[in-house]
Amino acid sequence: MAWHLEGTYFENCSCDMVCPCGTSALTMPADYDRCQVVLAFHIDSGEVDDVDVSSLTVAMLADTPPVMGEGNWRVGLFMDEAASPEQADKLGAVFSGQLGGPPELVAGLVGENLGMEVAPIEYVDDGLRHYVNIGDFVEMEIEDFVPPQTPGAEPTKITGVFHPANSTLTVARATSISRVNAFGLEFSNPEKNGHSAPFSWSA
């Protein structure tokens, strides 16, 4: 089954800026006892086994031990209410890692599947700010970091990163908008670490 997805992603986690998990290829411990993160992926264009999945959004919640590379992640998936049953089935297979590609890297670290929630998803990517609202489950916003000494310049980026979205990530920080209440977990990460990047996946 061939597939490809292209779009944009962003995340907000419980680490301070900048997260040691992502910058160490998941080998250094998080800043706190657990790493709790939501990653939102908006698909600008995509096809899975001849099914068009363009303009849909999928998000993933992960609750992990401090050293993410050791596995035992608890993971839940948020599916866009706008997806048809067929689209949801195809996207679920991609993001679970069943169809290979970058999501397969994450699948090997999952110890507990928390299930899937279907909800309306509002995704906004507006310059330096990135926002998502997922039903009653998630609301978060991050802002890409631009050094105050160089206003108007490009935001700071880190390269050569081992990350399923992209090997280059923009450094960002959550605004005061950050709340999660889903899959039996309730947390918020305001003013904590964020990243954003375009992504292009295929397998």
Protein backbone atom coordinates (compact mmCIF):
# COMPACT_ATOMS: atom_id res chain seq x y z
CA MET A 1 0.00 0.00 0.00
CA ALA A 2 1.63 3.27 -1.12
CA TRP A 3 0.94 6.54 0.65
CA HIS A 4 2.23 10.09 1.01
CA LEU A 5 1.36 13.03 3.24
CA GLU A 6 2.59 16.62 3.16
CA GLY A 7 1.70 19.43 5.52
CA THR A 8 2.69 21.19 8.72
CA TYR A 9 3.03 20.05 12.30
CA PHE A 10 3.60 21.55 15.72
CA GLU A 11 3.88 20.30 19.28
CA ASN A 12 3.83 21.45 22.88
CA CYS A 13 5.43 19.33 25.59
CA SER A 14 6.06 19.55 29.32
CA CYS A 15 9.81 20.20 29.00
CA ASP A 16 11.35 23.61 29.40
CA MET A 17 12.65 25.31 26.28
CA VAL A 18 14.47 23.57 24.52
CA CYS A 19 13.37 19.94 25.07
CA PRO A 20 16.32 17.60 25.75
CA CYS A 21 14.35 14.59 24.44
CA GLY A 22 14.18 15.68 20.82
CA THR A 23 17.61 17.28 20.71
CA SER A 24 19.31 14.12 22.07
CA ALA A 25 17.60 11.56 19.78
CA LEU A 26 15.46 10.50 22.76
CA THR A 27 18.47 9.47 24.87
CA MET A 28 18.48 12.24 27.53
CA PRO A 29 15.81 12.51 30.23
CA ALA A 30 13.01 15.01 30.05
CA ASP A 31 13.09 17.97 32.41
CA TYR A 32 10.41 16.40 34.59
CA ASP A 33 9.26 12.93 35.70
CA ARG A 34 7.08 12.43 32.64
CA CYS A 35 7.12 13.85 29.15
CA GLN A 36 3.58 14.80 28.17
CA VAL A 37 3.21 16.06 24.64
CA VAL A 38 0.60 16.68 21.96
CA LEU A 39 1.70 16.70 18.32
CA ALA A 40 -0.73 18.07 15.72
CA PHE A 41 -0.38 17.31 12.00
CA HIS A 42 -2.35 19.19 9.35
CA ILE A 43 -2.30 17.47 5.97
CA ASP A 44 -2.23 19.95 3.10
CA SER A 45 -2.15 17.17 0.52
CA GLY A 46 -2.07 13.42 0.85
CA GLU A 47 -3.23 10.06 -0.42
CA VAL A 48 -3.30 6.66 1.26
CA ASP A 49 -3.97 3.69 -1.01
CA ASP A 50 -5.72 5.96 -3.55
CA VAL A 51 -7.85 7.61 -0.84
CA ASP A 52 -7.47 11.41 -0.76
CA VAL A 53 -6.88 12.64 2.81
CA SER A 54 -6.02 16.27 2.00
CA SER A 55 -7.13 19.08 4.33
CA LEU A 56 -7.56 16.80 7.36
CA THR A 57 -5.83 17.06 10.74
CA VAL A 58 -4.64 14.30 13.05
CA ALA A 59 -3.07 14.72 16.47
CA MET A 60 -1.25 12.41 18.83
CA LEU A 61 -0.96 12.55 22.62
CA ALA A 62 1.98 10.83 24.29
CA ASP A 63 2.69 10.31 27.97
CA THR A 64 6.18 8.85 28.33
CA PRO A 65 8.89 8.03 30.86
CA PRO A 66 11.63 10.69 31.15
CA VAL A 67 13.94 8.85 28.74
CA MET A 68 11.69 8.51 25.70
CA GLY A 69 14.04 6.16 23.87
CA GLU A 70 13.39 3.47 26.49
CA GLY A 71 9.83 3.04 25.22
CA ASN A 72 6.72 2.31 27.28
CA TRP A 73 4.91 5.31 25.82
CA ARG A 74 1.19 5.71 26.42
CA VAL A 75 -0.30 7.06 23.21
CA GLY A 76 -3.74 8.23 22.10
CA LEU A 77 -4.86 9.48 18.69
CA PHE A 78 -7.23 12.33 17.81
CA MET A 79 -9.00 11.92 14.48
CA ASP A 80 -10.57 14.77 12.55
CA GLU A 81 -14.36 14.61 12.68
CA ALA A 82 -14.35 15.80 9.05
CA ALA A 83 -12.77 12.51 7.91
CA SER A 84 -15.01 9.91 6.33
CA PRO A 85 -14.88 6.38 7.80
CA GLU A 86 -12.60 5.34 4.94
CA GLN A 87 -10.29 8.34 5.40
CA ALA A 88 -10.17 7.77 9.16
CA ASP A 89 -9.30 4.12 8.64
CA LYS A 90 -6.45 4.96 6.27
CA LEU A 91 -5.05 7.73 8.45
CA GLY A 92 -5.31 5.54 11.54
CA ALA A 93 -3.21 2.91 9.79
CA VAL A 94 -0.57 5.52 8.85
CA PHE A 95 -0.29 7.17 12.27
CA SER A 96 -0.25 3.83 14.10
CA GLY A 97 2.86 2.92 12.11
CA GLN A 98 1.22 -0.05 10.40
CA LEU A 99 2.10 1.28 6.94
CA GLY A 100 5.74 2.10 7.60
CA GLY A 101 7.42 5.45 7.13
CA PRO A 102 8.30 7.86 9.97
CA PRO A 103 5.31 6.91 12.19
CA GLU A 104 6.76 3.42 12.42
CA LEU A 105 9.62 4.89 14.48
CA VAL A 106 7.12 5.96 17.14
CA ALA A 107 5.12 2.73 17.00
CA GLY A 108 8.10 0.75 18.24
CA LEU A 109 8.17 2.84 21.43
CA VAL A 110 4.48 2.47 22.35
CA GLY A 111 3.72 0.32 25.36
CA GLU A 112 0.04 1.18 25.79
CA ASN A 113 -2.47 2.27 23.17
CA LEU A 114 -4.98 4.62 24.79
CA GLY A 115 -7.35 4.50 21.82
CA MET A 116 -8.75 7.11 19.47
CA GLU A 117 -11.06 10.09 19.98
CA VAL A 118 -12.98 11.60 17.05
CA ALA A 119 -13.55 15.34 17.37
CA PRO A 120 -13.81 18.55 15.36
CA ILE A 121 -10.29 19.92 14.92
CA GLU A 122 -9.46 23.57 14.23
CA TYR A 123 -5.87 24.04 13.07
CA VAL A 124 -4.36 27.47 12.44
CA ASP A 125 -0.84 28.04 11.11
CA ASP A 126 -0.47 31.81 10.90
CA GLY A 127 3.10 32.96 10.48
CA LEU A 128 4.89 32.53 13.79
CA ARG A 129 1.83 31.31 15.69
CA HIS A 130 0.37 27.83 15.54
CA TYR A 131 -2.94 26.90 17.19
CA VAL A 132 -5.10 23.82 17.49
CA ASN A 133 -8.41 23.16 19.18
CA ILE A 134 -9.60 19.55 19.39
CA GLY A 135 -13.18 19.41 20.63
CA ASP A 136 -13.28 19.50 24.42
CA PHE A 137 -9.99 17.61 24.65
CA VAL A 138 -7.15 19.93 23.66
CA GLU A 139 -6.44 23.60 23.10
CA MET A 140 -2.88 24.75 22.60
CA GLU A 141 -0.93 27.51 20.91
CA ILE A 142 2.79 28.00 20.37
CA GLU A 143 4.84 30.87 19.00
CA ASP A 144 8.07 30.36 17.07
CA PHE A 145 11.06 31.94 18.80
CA VAL A 146 12.68 34.94 17.13
CA PRO A 147 15.68 36.37 19.04
CA PRO A 148 14.62 39.72 20.52
CA GLN A 149 17.90 41.23 19.32
CA THR A 150 16.86 40.59 15.70
CA PRO A 151 13.16 41.36 15.39
CA GLY A 152 11.75 40.42 12.02
CA ALA A 153 14.44 37.81 11.44
CA GLU A 154 13.84 34.13 10.81
CA PRO A 155 12.95 32.08 13.90
CA THR A 156 15.62 29.94 15.54
CA LYS A 157 15.92 26.38 14.21
CA ILE A 158 17.77 23.25 15.21
CA THR A 159 19.04 20.87 12.55
CA GLY A 160 20.18 17.27 12.39
CA VAL A 161 17.42 16.21 14.77
CA PHE A 162 16.15 12.64 15.07
CA HIS A 163 12.41 13.35 14.93
CA PRO A 164 9.58 11.75 12.95
CA ALA A 165 8.30 15.08 11.60
CA ASN A 166 11.49 16.61 10.22
CA SER A 167 15.24 16.69 10.85
CA THR A 168 14.98 20.51 11.13
CA LEU A 169 12.67 21.91 13.80
CA THR A 170 11.78 25.50 14.59
CA VAL A 171 12.25 26.39 18.25
CA ALA A 172 9.05 27.63 19.83
CA ARG A 173 7.33 28.20 23.13
CA ALA A 174 3.74 27.74 24.19
CA THR A 175 1.64 30.77 24.95
CA SER A 176 -0.73 30.80 27.94
CA ILE A 177 -3.08 28.60 25.90
CA SER A 178 -2.24 24.99 26.73
CA ARG A 179 -4.68 22.47 28.15
CA VAL A 180 -5.28 18.75 27.67
CA ASN A 181 -8.00 16.56 29.15
CA ALA A 182 -8.19 13.26 27.27
CA PHE A 183 -7.57 9.53 27.61
CA GLY A 184 -7.70 9.81 31.40
CA LEU A 185 -4.92 12.42 31.43
CA GLU A 186 -5.26 16.05 32.39
CA PHE A 187 -2.33 18.46 32.08
CA SER A 188 -1.27 21.85 30.74
CA ASN A 189 2.07 23.09 29.45
CA PRO A 190 1.80 26.90 29.18
CA GLU A 191 5.06 28.67 28.31
CA LYS A 192 6.79 25.30 27.94
CA ASN A 193 8.63 23.87 24.95
CA GLY A 194 7.24 23.85 21.44
CA HIS A 195 8.41 22.98 17.94
CA SER A 196 6.99 23.43 14.45
CA ALA A 197 8.00 22.24 11.00
CA PRO A 198 6.71 21.17 7.60
CA PHE A 199 6.55 17.43 7.13
CA SER A 200 6.65 15.22 4.05
CA TRP A 201 6.11 11.50 4.57
CA SER A 202 5.78 8.57 2.23
CA ALA A 203 6.13 4.79 2.20
